[in-house]
Amino acid sequence: MRVRAGKAGATWAGCLPTPAGSGRARKAKQMAQAAPAAVLRPWRIDDAVDLQRAFVVSGDLAAQLGAVELSTLARCQSFIADNLATGTVSRQNFAITLDGIAVGNVGVGSMEHRHGTGWVYYWVSAEARGRGLATLALVSISDWAFTEQGLHRLELGHRTNNPASCRVATKAGFATEGIERQKLKYGTERFDVETHARLRTDAPPQLRPLPTYTT
C-alpha cells in the first residue's frame, strides 16, 4: 500500500488551516477528534452500496455522470467495474471516503504525457457537502498528477450557474481562464462553461492534501 500525501489516520479537520482566534489549538483538536477520517483510495466493487446511496440522495448526480442510471446495486457494481475501479494510462479515479464510506469521486482523465496535460473532475454526495471535502480532494488529485504522473497543466470546467464548483476550483488553486459558450447540454438546455487551470509551477494552495492510497 502506498500513500502519496498526508498522514494515514489524518482527519479532514486536520487538513485545514488552524482556526484563528483565542483557543484555536483547542478548537482544532476538538475538530480533529470529532471529524471522520478522509482518505482517497481506489474504488472497490463493494463500494456499490455507497454509490447507490449517493445517487439516490443527490438529485444532480445523474446529470454529472452523463445521465447514467444507478438506482440499483447491480448497476452500481457494473459502473464501478467499468468506469471507476480500473485505471488506464490516460485516466485514474479515486473514491473520496469518510471512515471507509465512499462519498464522492475525484479523478484525472485525458492525460496526455507528451504535453503533460490532464482534465480533472470531482463530485461529492449531497450528504457530505459543505465541509470543504471536494476542495481537499481536488488539491490531493492535483498533487498526485503533478508528482506521480509528471503532468504540468491540469484543467477543469464547470457550468457558469454552479458557483459552488467554482469556489472548489479557486480554493484548490485553479485560476479562471475563460468562458466556453454553450459547451454542455442537459436535456434541451445548453450551458456555458467556465474553464480553470492550474500549473505545476503555480503557488500551491495552503491546504494539506488528503492521504492518497494507490492500492
C-alpha atoms as a PDB file:
ATOM      1  CA  MET A   1       0.000   0.000   0.000  1.00  0.00           C
ATOM      2  CA  ARG A   2       1.387   3.363  -0.979  1.00  0.00           C
ATOM      3  CA  VAL A   3       0.453   6.755   0.369  1.00  0.00           C
ATOM      4  CA  ARG A   4       1.238   9.837  -1.680  1.00  0.00           C
ATOM      5  CA  ALA A   5       0.349  12.693   0.627  1.00  0.00           C
ATOM      6  CA  GLY A   6      -0.763  13.484   4.127  1.00  0.00           C
ATOM      7  CA  LYS A   7      -0.582  11.058   7.003  1.00  0.00           C
ATOM      8  CA  ALA A   8      -2.521   7.848   7.457  1.00  0.00           C
ATOM      9  CA  GLY A   9      -5.253   8.383  10.007  1.00  0.00           C
ATOM     10  CA  ALA A  10      -5.289  12.130   9.443  1.00  0.00           C
ATOM     11  CA  THR A  11      -8.707  13.688   9.760  1.00  0.00           C
ATOM     12  CA  TRP A  12     -10.487  16.033   7.426  1.00  0.00           C
ATOM     13  CA  ALA A  13     -10.317  18.785  10.046  1.00  0.00           C
ATOM     14  CA  GLY A  14      -6.605  18.223  10.459  1.00  0.00           C
ATOM     15  CA  CYS A  15      -6.081  19.069   6.793  1.00  0.00           C
ATOM     16  CA  LEU A  16      -7.489  22.560   7.193  1.00  0.00           C
ATOM     17  CA  PRO A  17      -5.681  25.641   8.500  1.00  0.00           C
ATOM     18  CA  THR A  18      -5.888  26.046  12.266  1.00  0.00           C
ATOM     19  CA  PRO A  19      -8.858  28.276  13.172  1.00  0.00           C
ATOM     20  CA  ALA A  20      -7.930  31.833  14.093  1.00  0.00           C
ATOM     21  CA  GLY A  21      -8.683  33.455  17.417  1.00  0.00           C
ATOM     22  CA  SER A  22      -8.260  32.526  21.062  1.00  0.00           C
ATOM     23  CA  GLY A  23      -8.230  28.863  21.912  1.00  0.00           C
ATOM     24  CA  ARG A  24      -7.530  27.935  18.289  1.00  0.00           C
ATOM     25  CA  ALA A  25      -5.328  24.963  19.201  1.00  0.00           C
ATOM     26  CA  ARG A  26      -8.050  23.574  21.484  1.00  0.00           C
ATOM     27  CA  LYS A  27     -10.705  24.081  18.795  1.00  0.00           C
ATOM     28  CA  ALA A  28      -8.536  22.389  16.179  1.00  0.00           C
ATOM     29  CA  LYS A  29      -8.009  19.405  18.483  1.00  0.00           C
ATOM     30  CA  GLN A  30     -11.741  19.127  19.144  1.00  0.00           C
ATOM     31  CA  MET A  31     -12.476  19.271  15.404  1.00  0.00           C
ATOM     32  CA  ALA A  32      -9.884  16.591  14.683  1.00  0.00           C
ATOM     33  CA  GLN A  33     -11.337  14.287  17.328  1.00  0.00           C
ATOM     34  CA  ALA A  34     -14.909  14.765  16.100  1.00  0.00           C
ATOM     35  CA  ALA A  35     -14.347  14.698  12.332  1.00  0.00           C
ATOM     36  CA  PRO A  36     -14.302  11.441  10.366  1.00  0.00           C
ATOM     37  CA  ALA A  37     -11.098  10.385   8.622  1.00  0.00           C
ATOM     38  CA  ALA A  38     -10.987  11.494   4.983  1.00  0.00           C
ATOM     39  CA  VAL A  39      -8.909   9.440   2.546  1.00  0.00           C
ATOM     40  CA  LEU A  40      -8.576   8.943  -1.205  1.00  0.00           C
ATOM     41  CA  ARG A  41      -8.277   5.337  -2.360  1.00  0.00           C
ATOM     42  CA  PRO A  42      -9.123   3.200  -5.395  1.00  0.00           C
ATOM     43  CA  TRP A  43     -12.757   2.213  -5.903  1.00  0.00           C
ATOM     44  CA  ARG A  44     -13.870  -1.286  -4.928  1.00  0.00           C
ATOM     45  CA  ILE A  45     -16.853  -3.286  -6.115  1.00  0.00           C
ATOM     46  CA  ASP A  46     -18.202  -3.388  -2.555  1.00  0.00           C
ATOM     47  CA  ASP A  47     -18.471   0.421  -2.663  1.00  0.00           C
ATOM     48  CA  ALA A  48     -21.587  -0.128  -4.780  1.00  0.00           C
ATOM     49  CA  VAL A  49     -23.925   0.337  -1.815  1.00  0.00           C
ATOM     50  CA  ASP A  50     -22.310   3.717  -1.070  1.00  0.00           C
ATOM     51  CA  LEU A  51     -22.536   4.778  -4.722  1.00  0.00           C
ATOM     52  CA  GLN A  52     -26.187   3.783  -4.820  1.00  0.00           C
ATOM     53  CA  ARG A  53     -26.949   5.883  -1.744  1.00  0.00           C
ATOM     54  CA  ALA A  54     -25.056   8.875  -3.152  1.00  0.00           C
ATOM     55  CA  PHE A  55     -27.066   8.598  -6.362  1.00  0.00           C
ATOM     56  CA  VAL A  56     -30.383   8.423  -4.505  1.00  0.00           C
ATOM     57  CA  VAL A  57     -29.742  11.390  -2.186  1.00  0.00           C
ATOM     58  CA  SER A  58     -28.003  13.618  -4.766  1.00  0.00           C
ATOM     59  CA  GLY A  59     -30.511  14.867  -7.311  1.00  0.00           C
ATOM     60  CA  ASP A  60     -27.842  16.357  -9.577  1.00  0.00           C
ATOM     61  CA  LEU A  61     -25.571  13.315  -9.745  1.00  0.00           C
ATOM     62  CA  ALA A  62     -27.237  11.647 -12.727  1.00  0.00           C
ATOM     63  CA  ALA A  63     -26.518  14.678 -14.910  1.00  0.00           C
ATOM     64  CA  GLN A  64     -22.922  14.895 -13.684  1.00  0.00           C
ATOM     65  CA  LEU A  65     -22.354  11.250 -14.581  1.00  0.00           C
ATOM     66  CA  GLY A  66     -23.837  11.538 -18.051  1.00  0.00           C
ATOM     67  CA  ALA A  67     -27.461  10.623 -17.327  1.00  0.00           C
ATOM     68  CA  VAL A  68     -26.413   7.160 -16.144  1.00  0.00           C
ATOM     69  CA  GLU A  69     -28.951   5.176 -14.079  1.00  0.00           C
ATOM     70  CA  LEU A  70     -27.540   3.964 -10.752  1.00  0.00           C
ATOM     71  CA  SER A  71     -30.638   3.253  -8.690  1.00  0.00           C
ATOM     72  CA  THR A  72     -29.902  -0.480  -8.364  1.00  0.00           C
ATOM     73  CA  LEU A  73     -26.994  -2.215  -6.674  1.00  0.00           C
ATOM     74  CA  ALA A  74     -26.211  -4.281  -9.778  1.00  0.00           C
ATOM     75  CA  ARG A  75     -25.893  -1.186 -11.955  1.00  0.00           C
ATOM     76  CA  CYS A  76     -23.653   0.472  -9.390  1.00  0.00           C
ATOM     77  CA  GLN A  77     -21.406  -2.593  -9.329  1.00  0.00           C
ATOM     78  CA  SER A  78     -21.153  -2.561 -13.121  1.00  0.00           C
ATOM     79  CA  PHE A  79     -20.478   1.186 -13.202  1.00  0.00           C
ATOM     80  CA  ILE A  80     -17.658   0.847 -10.692  1.00  0.00           C
ATOM     81  CA  ALA A  81     -16.127  -2.095 -12.559  1.00  0.00           C
ATOM     82  CA  ASP A  82     -16.361  -0.432 -15.970  1.00  0.00           C
ATOM     83  CA  ASN A  83     -15.645   3.209 -15.130  1.00  0.00           C
ATOM     84  CA  LEU A  84     -14.156   3.788 -11.684  1.00  0.00           C
ATOM     85  CA  ALA A  85     -12.136   0.836 -10.410  1.00  0.00           C
ATOM     86  CA  THR A  86      -9.943   0.287 -13.457  1.00  0.00           C
ATOM     87  CA  GLY A  87      -7.352   2.924 -14.271  1.00  0.00           C
ATOM     88  CA  THR A  88      -5.628   3.413 -17.628  1.00  0.00           C
ATOM     89  CA  VAL A  89      -2.592   5.322 -18.874  1.00  0.00           C
ATOM     90  CA  SER A  90      -4.881   8.282 -19.515  1.00  0.00           C
ATOM     91  CA  ARG A  91      -7.369   8.088 -16.635  1.00  0.00           C
ATOM     92  CA  GLN A  92      -7.452   7.386 -12.897  1.00  0.00           C
ATOM     93  CA  ASN A  93     -10.267   7.736 -10.364  1.00  0.00           C
ATOM     94  CA  PHE A  94     -10.167   7.760  -6.574  1.00  0.00           C
ATOM     95  CA  ALA A  95     -13.024   7.242  -4.143  1.00  0.00           C
ATOM     96  CA  ILE A  96     -13.360  10.072  -1.630  1.00  0.00           C
ATOM     97  CA  THR A  97     -14.029   8.256   1.629  1.00  0.00           C
ATOM     98  CA  LEU A  98     -15.051   9.228   5.151  1.00  0.00           C
ATOM     99  CA  ASP A  99     -14.344   6.497   7.693  1.00  0.00           C
ATOM    100  CA  GLY A 100     -14.240   3.978   4.856  1.00  0.00           C
ATOM    101  CA  ILE A 101     -17.522   5.063   3.252  1.00  0.00           C
ATOM    102  CA  ALA A 102     -17.287   6.274  -0.352  1.00  0.00           C
ATOM    103  CA  VAL A 103     -18.985   9.678  -0.510  1.00  0.00           C
ATOM    104  CA  GLY A 104     -17.583  11.006  -3.764  1.00  0.00           C
ATOM    105  CA  ASN A 105     -15.162  10.669  -6.632  1.00  0.00           C
ATOM    106  CA  VAL A 106     -12.195  12.654  -7.869  1.00  0.00           C
ATOM    107  CA  GLY A 107     -10.195  11.812 -10.941  1.00  0.00           C
ATOM    108  CA  VAL A 108      -7.957  12.942 -13.727  1.00  0.00           C
ATOM    109  CA  GLY A 109      -8.627  11.948 -17.316  1.00  0.00           C
ATOM    110  CA  SER A 110      -7.430  12.795 -20.807  1.00  0.00           C
ATOM    111  CA  MET A 111      -3.857  12.565 -19.519  1.00  0.00           C
ATOM    112  CA  GLU A 112      -1.560  13.455 -22.395  1.00  0.00           C
ATOM    113  CA  HIS A 113       2.008  12.782 -21.360  1.00  0.00           C
ATOM    114  CA  ARG A 114       3.716  14.348 -24.345  1.00  0.00           C
ATOM    115  CA  HIS A 115       2.381  17.780 -23.413  1.00  0.00           C
ATOM    116  CA  GLY A 116       1.896  16.982 -19.725  1.00  0.00           C
ATOM    117  CA  THR A 117      -1.793  17.870 -19.547  1.00  0.00           C
ATOM    118  CA  GLY A 118      -4.883  16.388 -17.933  1.00  0.00           C
ATOM    119  CA  TRP A 119      -8.539  17.107 -17.135  1.00  0.00           C
ATOM    120  CA  VAL A 120      -9.710  16.826 -13.525  1.00  0.00           C
ATOM    121  CA  TYR A 121     -13.241  16.269 -12.250  1.00  0.00           C
ATOM    122  CA  TYR A 122     -14.996  15.599  -8.959  1.00  0.00           C
ATOM    123  CA  TRP A 123     -18.317  15.057  -7.262  1.00  0.00           C
ATOM    124  CA  VAL A 124     -19.413  14.661  -3.647  1.00  0.00           C
ATOM    125  CA  SER A 125     -22.631  13.162  -2.309  1.00  0.00           C
ATOM    126  CA  ALA A 126     -25.189  15.704  -1.124  1.00  0.00           C
ATOM    127  CA  GLU A 127     -24.868  14.308   2.402  1.00  0.00           C
ATOM    128  CA  ALA A 128     -21.131  15.114   2.533  1.00  0.00           C
ATOM    129  CA  ARG A 129     -21.165  18.594   1.003  1.00  0.00           C
ATOM    130  CA  GLY A 130     -20.395  21.828   2.790  1.00  0.00           C
ATOM    131  CA  ARG A 131     -17.275  20.521   4.566  1.00  0.00           C
ATOM    132  CA  GLY A 132     -14.590  21.508   2.065  1.00  0.00           C
ATOM    133  CA  LEU A 133     -14.144  17.878   1.103  1.00  0.00           C
ATOM    134  CA  ALA A 134     -14.262  18.457  -2.662  1.00  0.00           C
ATOM    135  CA  THR A 135     -11.583  21.139  -2.368  1.00  0.00           C
ATOM    136  CA  LEU A 136      -9.255  18.860  -0.410  1.00  0.00           C
ATOM    137  CA  ALA A 137      -9.853  16.018  -2.861  1.00  0.00           C
ATOM    138  CA  LEU A 138      -9.039  18.324  -5.779  1.00  0.00           C
ATOM    139  CA  VAL A 139      -5.847  19.501  -4.074  1.00  0.00           C
ATOM    140  CA  SER A 140      -4.906  15.864  -3.492  1.00  0.00           C
ATOM    141  CA  ILE A 141      -5.528  14.616  -7.041  1.00  0.00           C
ATOM    142  CA  SER A 142      -3.589  17.598  -8.371  1.00  0.00           C
ATOM    143  CA  ASP A 143      -0.627  16.760  -6.157  1.00  0.00           C
ATOM    144  CA  TRP A 144      -0.784  13.142  -7.350  1.00  0.00           C
ATOM    145  CA  ALA A 145      -0.999  14.141 -11.016  1.00  0.00           C
ATOM    146  CA  PHE A 146       1.926  16.547 -10.788  1.00  0.00           C
ATOM    147  CA  THR A 147       4.122  14.257  -8.700  1.00  0.00           C
ATOM    148  CA  GLU A 148       3.279  10.736  -9.842  1.00  0.00           C
ATOM    149  CA  GLN A 149       2.236  11.380 -13.435  1.00  0.00           C
ATOM    150  CA  GLY A 150       4.624  14.217 -14.192  1.00  0.00           C
ATOM    151  CA  LEU A 151       1.872  16.430 -15.601  1.00  0.00           C
ATOM    152  CA  HIS A 152       2.417  20.161 -15.968  1.00  0.00           C
ATOM    153  CA  ARG A 153      -1.067  21.556 -16.594  1.00  0.00           C
ATOM    154  CA  LEU A 154      -4.428  20.472 -15.184  1.00  0.00           C
ATOM    155  CA  GLU A 155      -7.733  21.819 -16.438  1.00  0.00           C
ATOM    156  CA  LEU A 156     -11.336  21.643 -15.253  1.00  0.00           C
ATOM    157  CA  GLY A 157     -14.641  23.170 -16.188  1.00  0.00           C
ATOM    158  CA  HIS A 158     -17.977  23.881 -14.521  1.00  0.00           C
ATOM    159  CA  ARG A 159     -21.298  25.323 -15.613  1.00  0.00           C
ATOM    160  CA  THR A 160     -21.463  29.058 -15.033  1.00  0.00           C
ATOM    161  CA  ASN A 161     -24.606  28.519 -12.954  1.00  0.00           C
ATOM    162  CA  ASN A 162     -22.678  26.342 -10.488  1.00  0.00           C
ATOM    163  CA  PRO A 163     -20.913  28.787  -8.131  1.00  0.00           C
ATOM    164  CA  ALA A 164     -20.167  26.050  -5.576  1.00  0.00           C
ATOM    165  CA  SER A 165     -17.978  24.198  -8.067  1.00  0.00           C
ATOM    166  CA  CYS A 166     -16.280  27.479  -8.943  1.00  0.00           C
ATOM    167  CA  ARG A 167     -15.373  28.006  -5.282  1.00  0.00           C
ATOM    168  CA  VAL A 168     -13.917  24.496  -5.098  1.00  0.00           C
ATOM    169  CA  ALA A 169     -11.710  25.208  -8.110  1.00  0.00           C
ATOM    170  CA  THR A 170     -10.412  28.568  -6.933  1.00  0.00           C
ATOM    171  CA  LYS A 171      -9.731  27.374  -3.378  1.00  0.00           C
ATOM    172  CA  ALA A 172      -7.739  24.474  -4.835  1.00  0.00           C
ATOM    173  CA  GLY A 173      -5.513  26.881  -6.752  1.00  0.00           C
ATOM    174  CA  PHE A 174      -7.139  26.696 -10.193  1.00  0.00           C
ATOM    175  CA  ALA A 175      -7.081  30.066 -11.964  1.00  0.00           C
ATOM    176  CA  THR A 176     -10.040  31.162 -14.080  1.00  0.00           C
ATOM    177  CA  GLU A 177      -9.156  31.229 -17.772  1.00  0.00           C
ATOM    178  CA  GLY A 178     -12.346  31.917 -19.699  1.00  0.00           C
ATOM    179  CA  ILE A 179     -15.858  31.003 -20.801  1.00  0.00           C
ATOM    180  CA  GLU A 180     -16.748  28.340 -23.347  1.00  0.00           C
ATOM    181  CA  ARG A 181     -20.187  29.247 -24.655  1.00  0.00           C
ATOM    182  CA  GLN A 182     -22.952  26.636 -24.704  1.00  0.00           C
ATOM    183  CA  LYS A 183     -20.486  23.774 -24.318  1.00  0.00           C
ATOM    184  CA  LEU A 184     -22.736  21.423 -22.318  1.00  0.00           C
ATOM    185  CA  LYS A 185     -26.262  20.209 -22.964  1.00  0.00           C
ATOM    186  CA  TYR A 186     -28.585  18.764 -20.321  1.00  0.00           C
ATOM    187  CA  GLY A 187     -31.998  17.860 -21.673  1.00  0.00           C
ATOM    188  CA  THR A 188     -32.941  20.615 -24.083  1.00  0.00           C
ATOM    189  CA  GLU A 189     -30.918  23.347 -22.368  1.00  0.00           C
ATOM    190  CA  ARG A 190     -27.347  24.356 -23.181  1.00  0.00           C
ATOM    191  CA  PHE A 191     -24.913  25.799 -20.616  1.00  0.00           C
ATOM    192  CA  ASP A 192     -21.830  27.979 -20.754  1.00  0.00           C
ATOM    193  CA  VAL A 193     -18.765  26.512 -19.061  1.00  0.00           C
ATOM    194  CA  GLU A 194     -16.083  28.383 -17.132  1.00  0.00           C
ATOM    195  CA  THR A 195     -12.627  26.880 -17.557  1.00  0.00           C
ATOM    196  CA  HIS A 196      -9.971  26.829 -14.831  1.00  0.00           C
ATOM    197  CA  ALA A 197      -6.384  25.590 -14.893  1.00  0.00           C
ATOM    198  CA  ARG A 198      -3.508  25.005 -12.520  1.00  0.00           C
ATOM    199  CA  LEU A 199       0.144  24.645 -13.481  1.00  0.00           C
ATOM    200  CA  ARG A 200       2.700  22.598 -11.608  1.00  0.00           C
ATOM    201  CA  THR A 201       4.720  25.818 -11.272  1.00  0.00           C
ATOM    202  CA  ASP A 202       1.836  27.769  -9.698  1.00  0.00           C
ATOM    203  CA  ALA A 203       1.969  28.541  -5.991  1.00  0.00           C
ATOM    204  CA  PRO A 204       0.156  25.669  -4.220  1.00  0.00           C
ATOM    205  CA  PRO A 205      -2.896  26.381  -2.036  1.00  0.00           C
ATOM    206  CA  GLN A 206      -2.296  26.446   1.704  1.00  0.00           C
ATOM    207  CA  LEU A 207      -4.120  23.166   2.271  1.00  0.00           C
ATOM    208  CA  ARG A 208      -2.581  19.819   3.151  1.00  0.00           C
ATOM    209  CA  PRO A 209      -3.541  17.040   0.711  1.00  0.00           C
ATOM    210  CA  LEU A 210      -5.527  14.084   1.975  1.00  0.00           C
ATOM    211  CA  PRO A 211      -3.810  10.720   2.409  1.00  0.00           C
ATOM    212  CA  THR A 212      -3.933   9.175  -1.062  1.00  0.00           C
ATOM    213  CA  TYR A 213      -3.700   5.403  -1.347  1.00  0.00           C
ATOM    214  CA  THR A 214      -2.908   3.973  -4.778  1.00  0.00           C
ATOM    215  CA  THR A 215      -3.595   0.316  -3.920  1.00  0.00           C
END
